[in-house]
Amino acid sequence: DLEWSGTSTGSVEIYRDSGLLISVPDSGSYTDNTGNKGGRTYLYQVCEAGTNNCSAIETIVF
């Protein structure tokens, strides 16, 4: 699960490997069901929707 806090726009954009994955209401968490296991690496970033206010890029290994 991805988790975040400190946003104020009501919705966020979640990026995976530099591409927009999904825009969702700001619930503070999101589960990305990639279906991949066994060492696959992804880069994630969460941004306030419609802004350049983004988290640091996080590396996640499944």
N, C-alpha and C. Protein backbone atom coordinates (compact mmCIF):
# COMPACT_ATOMS: atom_id res chain seq x y z
N ASP A 1 0.84 -1.19 0.00
CA ASP A 1 0.00 0.00 0.00
C ASP A 1 0.88 1.25 0.00
N LEU A 2 0.45 2.25 -0.75
CA LEU A 2 1.09 3.56 -0.69
C LEU A 2 0.33 4.39 0.33
N GLU A 3 1.04 5.14 1.15
CA GLU A 3 0.41 6.00 2.13
C GLU A 3 1.06 7.37 2.10
N TRP A 4 0.25 8.42 2.34
CA TRP A 4 0.75 9.78 2.33
C TRP A 4 -0.11 10.63 3.25
N SER A 5 0.37 11.84 3.52
CA SER A 5 -0.39 12.81 4.31
C SER A 5 0.06 14.20 3.90
N GLY A 6 -0.69 15.21 4.33
CA GLY A 6 -0.29 16.59 4.10
C GLY A 6 -0.80 17.20 2.81
N THR A 7 -1.72 16.55 2.12
CA THR A 7 -2.27 17.14 0.90
C THR A 7 -3.50 17.96 1.24
N SER A 8 -3.86 18.89 0.32
CA SER A 8 -4.98 19.78 0.62
C SER A 8 -5.94 19.97 -0.55
N THR A 9 -5.76 19.26 -1.65
CA THR A 9 -6.58 19.50 -2.83
C THR A 9 -7.81 18.61 -2.92
N GLY A 10 -7.92 17.59 -2.09
CA GLY A 10 -9.07 16.69 -2.15
C GLY A 10 -8.87 15.50 -3.06
N SER A 11 -7.90 15.59 -3.96
CA SER A 11 -7.58 14.43 -4.80
C SER A 11 -6.09 14.44 -5.11
N VAL A 12 -5.57 13.27 -5.44
CA VAL A 12 -4.14 13.14 -5.74
C VAL A 12 -3.95 12.38 -7.04
N GLU A 13 -2.81 12.59 -7.64
CA GLU A 13 -2.39 11.85 -8.83
C GLU A 13 -1.24 10.95 -8.42
N ILE A 14 -1.34 9.69 -8.73
CA ILE A 14 -0.31 8.73 -8.38
C ILE A 14 0.43 8.34 -9.65
N TYR A 15 1.75 8.50 -9.61
CA TYR A 15 2.60 8.18 -10.75
C TYR A 15 3.40 6.92 -10.45
N ARG A 16 3.52 6.06 -11.45
CA ARG A 16 4.36 4.86 -11.36
C ARG A 16 5.31 4.89 -12.54
N ASP A 17 6.60 4.80 -12.27
CA ASP A 17 7.62 4.83 -13.32
C ASP A 17 7.45 6.03 -14.24
N SER A 18 7.20 7.20 -13.65
CA SER A 18 7.09 8.50 -14.32
C SER A 18 5.82 8.70 -15.13
N GLY A 19 4.92 7.73 -15.18
CA GLY A 19 3.67 7.89 -15.91
C GLY A 19 2.50 7.94 -14.95
N LEU A 20 1.48 8.73 -15.29
CA LEU A 20 0.30 8.83 -14.44
C LEU A 20 -0.38 7.48 -14.37
N LEU A 21 -0.52 6.96 -13.16
CA LEU A 21 -1.18 5.68 -12.93
C LEU A 21 -2.67 5.89 -12.73
N ILE A 22 -3.03 6.83 -11.83
CA ILE A 22 -4.44 7.03 -11.50
C ILE A 22 -4.60 8.34 -10.73
N SER A 23 -5.77 8.96 -10.88
CA SER A 23 -6.17 10.08 -10.04
C SER A 23 -7.26 9.57 -9.11
N VAL A 24 -7.10 9.81 -7.81
CA VAL A 24 -8.04 9.26 -6.82
C VAL A 24 -8.37 10.32 -5.78
N PRO A 25 -9.53 10.18 -5.11
CA PRO A 25 -9.81 11.05 -3.96
C PRO A 25 -8.72 10.86 -2.90
N ASP A 26 -8.42 11.92 -2.19
CA ASP A 26 -7.33 11.89 -1.21
C ASP A 26 -7.77 11.18 0.06
N SER A 27 -7.61 9.87 0.07
CA SER A 27 -7.94 9.07 1.26
C SER A 27 -6.71 8.82 2.13
N GLY A 28 -5.52 9.17 1.62
CA GLY A 28 -4.29 8.94 2.37
C GLY A 28 -3.62 7.62 2.08
N SER A 29 -4.26 6.79 1.23
CA SER A 29 -3.63 5.51 0.88
C SER A 29 -4.19 4.99 -0.44
N TYR A 30 -3.42 4.11 -1.07
CA TYR A 30 -3.83 3.49 -2.33
C TYR A 30 -3.11 2.15 -2.45
N THR A 31 -3.81 1.14 -2.93
CA THR A 31 -3.22 -0.17 -3.18
C THR A 31 -3.09 -0.35 -4.68
N ASP A 32 -1.87 -0.56 -5.14
CA ASP A 32 -1.60 -0.80 -6.56
C ASP A 32 -1.45 -2.30 -6.77
N ASN A 33 -2.43 -2.91 -7.38
CA ASN A 33 -2.39 -4.34 -7.64
C ASN A 33 -1.70 -4.60 -8.97
N THR A 34 -0.38 -4.68 -8.93
CA THR A 34 0.40 -4.85 -10.16
C THR A 34 0.35 -6.28 -10.68
N GLY A 35 0.11 -7.23 -9.79
CA GLY A 35 0.13 -8.63 -10.19
C GLY A 35 1.54 -9.20 -10.32
N ASN A 36 2.54 -8.36 -10.10
CA ASN A 36 3.93 -8.81 -10.22
C ASN A 36 4.51 -9.12 -8.85
N LYS A 37 5.33 -10.14 -8.80
CA LYS A 37 6.03 -10.51 -7.57
C LYS A 37 7.43 -10.98 -7.95
N GLY A 38 8.29 -11.06 -6.97
CA GLY A 38 9.60 -11.65 -7.23
C GLY A 38 10.67 -10.68 -7.66
N GLY A 39 10.74 -9.50 -7.02
CA GLY A 39 11.86 -8.61 -7.26
C GLY A 39 11.63 -7.51 -8.26
N ARG A 40 10.44 -7.31 -8.75
CA ARG A 40 10.16 -6.22 -9.68
C ARG A 40 10.23 -4.90 -8.93
N THR A 41 10.88 -3.90 -9.51
CA THR A 41 11.04 -2.59 -8.89
C THR A 41 10.19 -1.55 -9.60
N TYR A 42 9.49 -0.72 -8.82
CA TYR A 42 8.69 0.38 -9.35
C TYR A 42 9.07 1.67 -8.64
N LEU A 43 8.92 2.78 -9.35
CA LEU A 43 9.13 4.10 -8.77
C LEU A 43 7.77 4.77 -8.64
N TYR A 44 7.44 5.25 -7.44
CA TYR A 44 6.14 5.88 -7.19
C TYR A 44 6.32 7.31 -6.72
N GLN A 45 5.35 8.15 -7.09
CA GLN A 45 5.30 9.52 -6.62
C GLN A 45 3.83 9.92 -6.49
N VAL A 46 3.50 10.67 -5.45
CA VAL A 46 2.14 11.15 -5.22
C VAL A 46 2.16 12.67 -5.32
N CYS A 47 1.23 13.23 -6.12
CA CYS A 47 1.14 14.68 -6.30
C CYS A 47 -0.27 15.16 -5.98
N GLU A 48 -0.37 16.38 -5.43
CA GLU A 48 -1.68 16.99 -5.32
C GLU A 48 -2.20 17.21 -6.73
N ALA A 49 -3.44 16.84 -6.98
CA ALA A 49 -4.00 16.92 -8.32
C ALA A 49 -3.92 18.34 -8.87
N GLY A 50 -3.45 18.45 -10.11
CA GLY A 50 -3.39 19.73 -10.80
C GLY A 50 -2.29 20.65 -10.35
N THR A 51 -1.33 20.13 -9.57
CA THR A 51 -0.23 20.97 -9.08
C THR A 51 1.10 20.27 -9.33
N ASN A 52 2.16 21.00 -9.03
CA ASN A 52 3.51 20.41 -9.05
C ASN A 52 3.97 20.08 -7.63
N ASN A 53 3.05 20.06 -6.68
CA ASN A 53 3.37 19.74 -5.28
C ASN A 53 3.36 18.23 -5.13
N CYS A 54 4.55 17.64 -5.16
CA CYS A 54 4.68 16.18 -5.20
C CYS A 54 5.59 15.66 -4.10
N SER A 55 5.39 14.41 -3.77
CA SER A 55 6.27 13.73 -2.83
C SER A 55 7.61 13.46 -3.50
N ALA A 56 8.55 13.02 -2.71
CA ALA A 56 9.78 12.48 -3.27
C ALA A 56 9.43 11.18 -4.00
N ILE A 57 10.25 10.80 -4.95
CA ILE A 57 10.05 9.52 -5.65
C ILE A 57 10.52 8.40 -4.74
N GLU A 58 9.66 7.42 -4.56
CA GLU A 58 9.97 6.27 -3.70
C GLU A 58 10.15 5.02 -4.55
N THR A 59 11.16 4.23 -4.22
CA THR A 59 11.41 2.97 -4.91
C THR A 59 10.80 1.84 -4.09
N ILE A 60 9.95 1.05 -4.74
CA ILE A 60 9.28 -0.08 -4.09
C ILE A 60 9.65 -1.35 -4.84
N VAL A 61 10.03 -2.39 -4.12
CA VAL A 61 10.36 -3.69 -4.72
C VAL A 61 9.31 -4.69 -4.28
N PHE A 62 8.69 -5.36 -5.25
CA PHE A 62 7.70 -6.40 -4.97
C PHE A 62 8.35 -7.75 -5.06
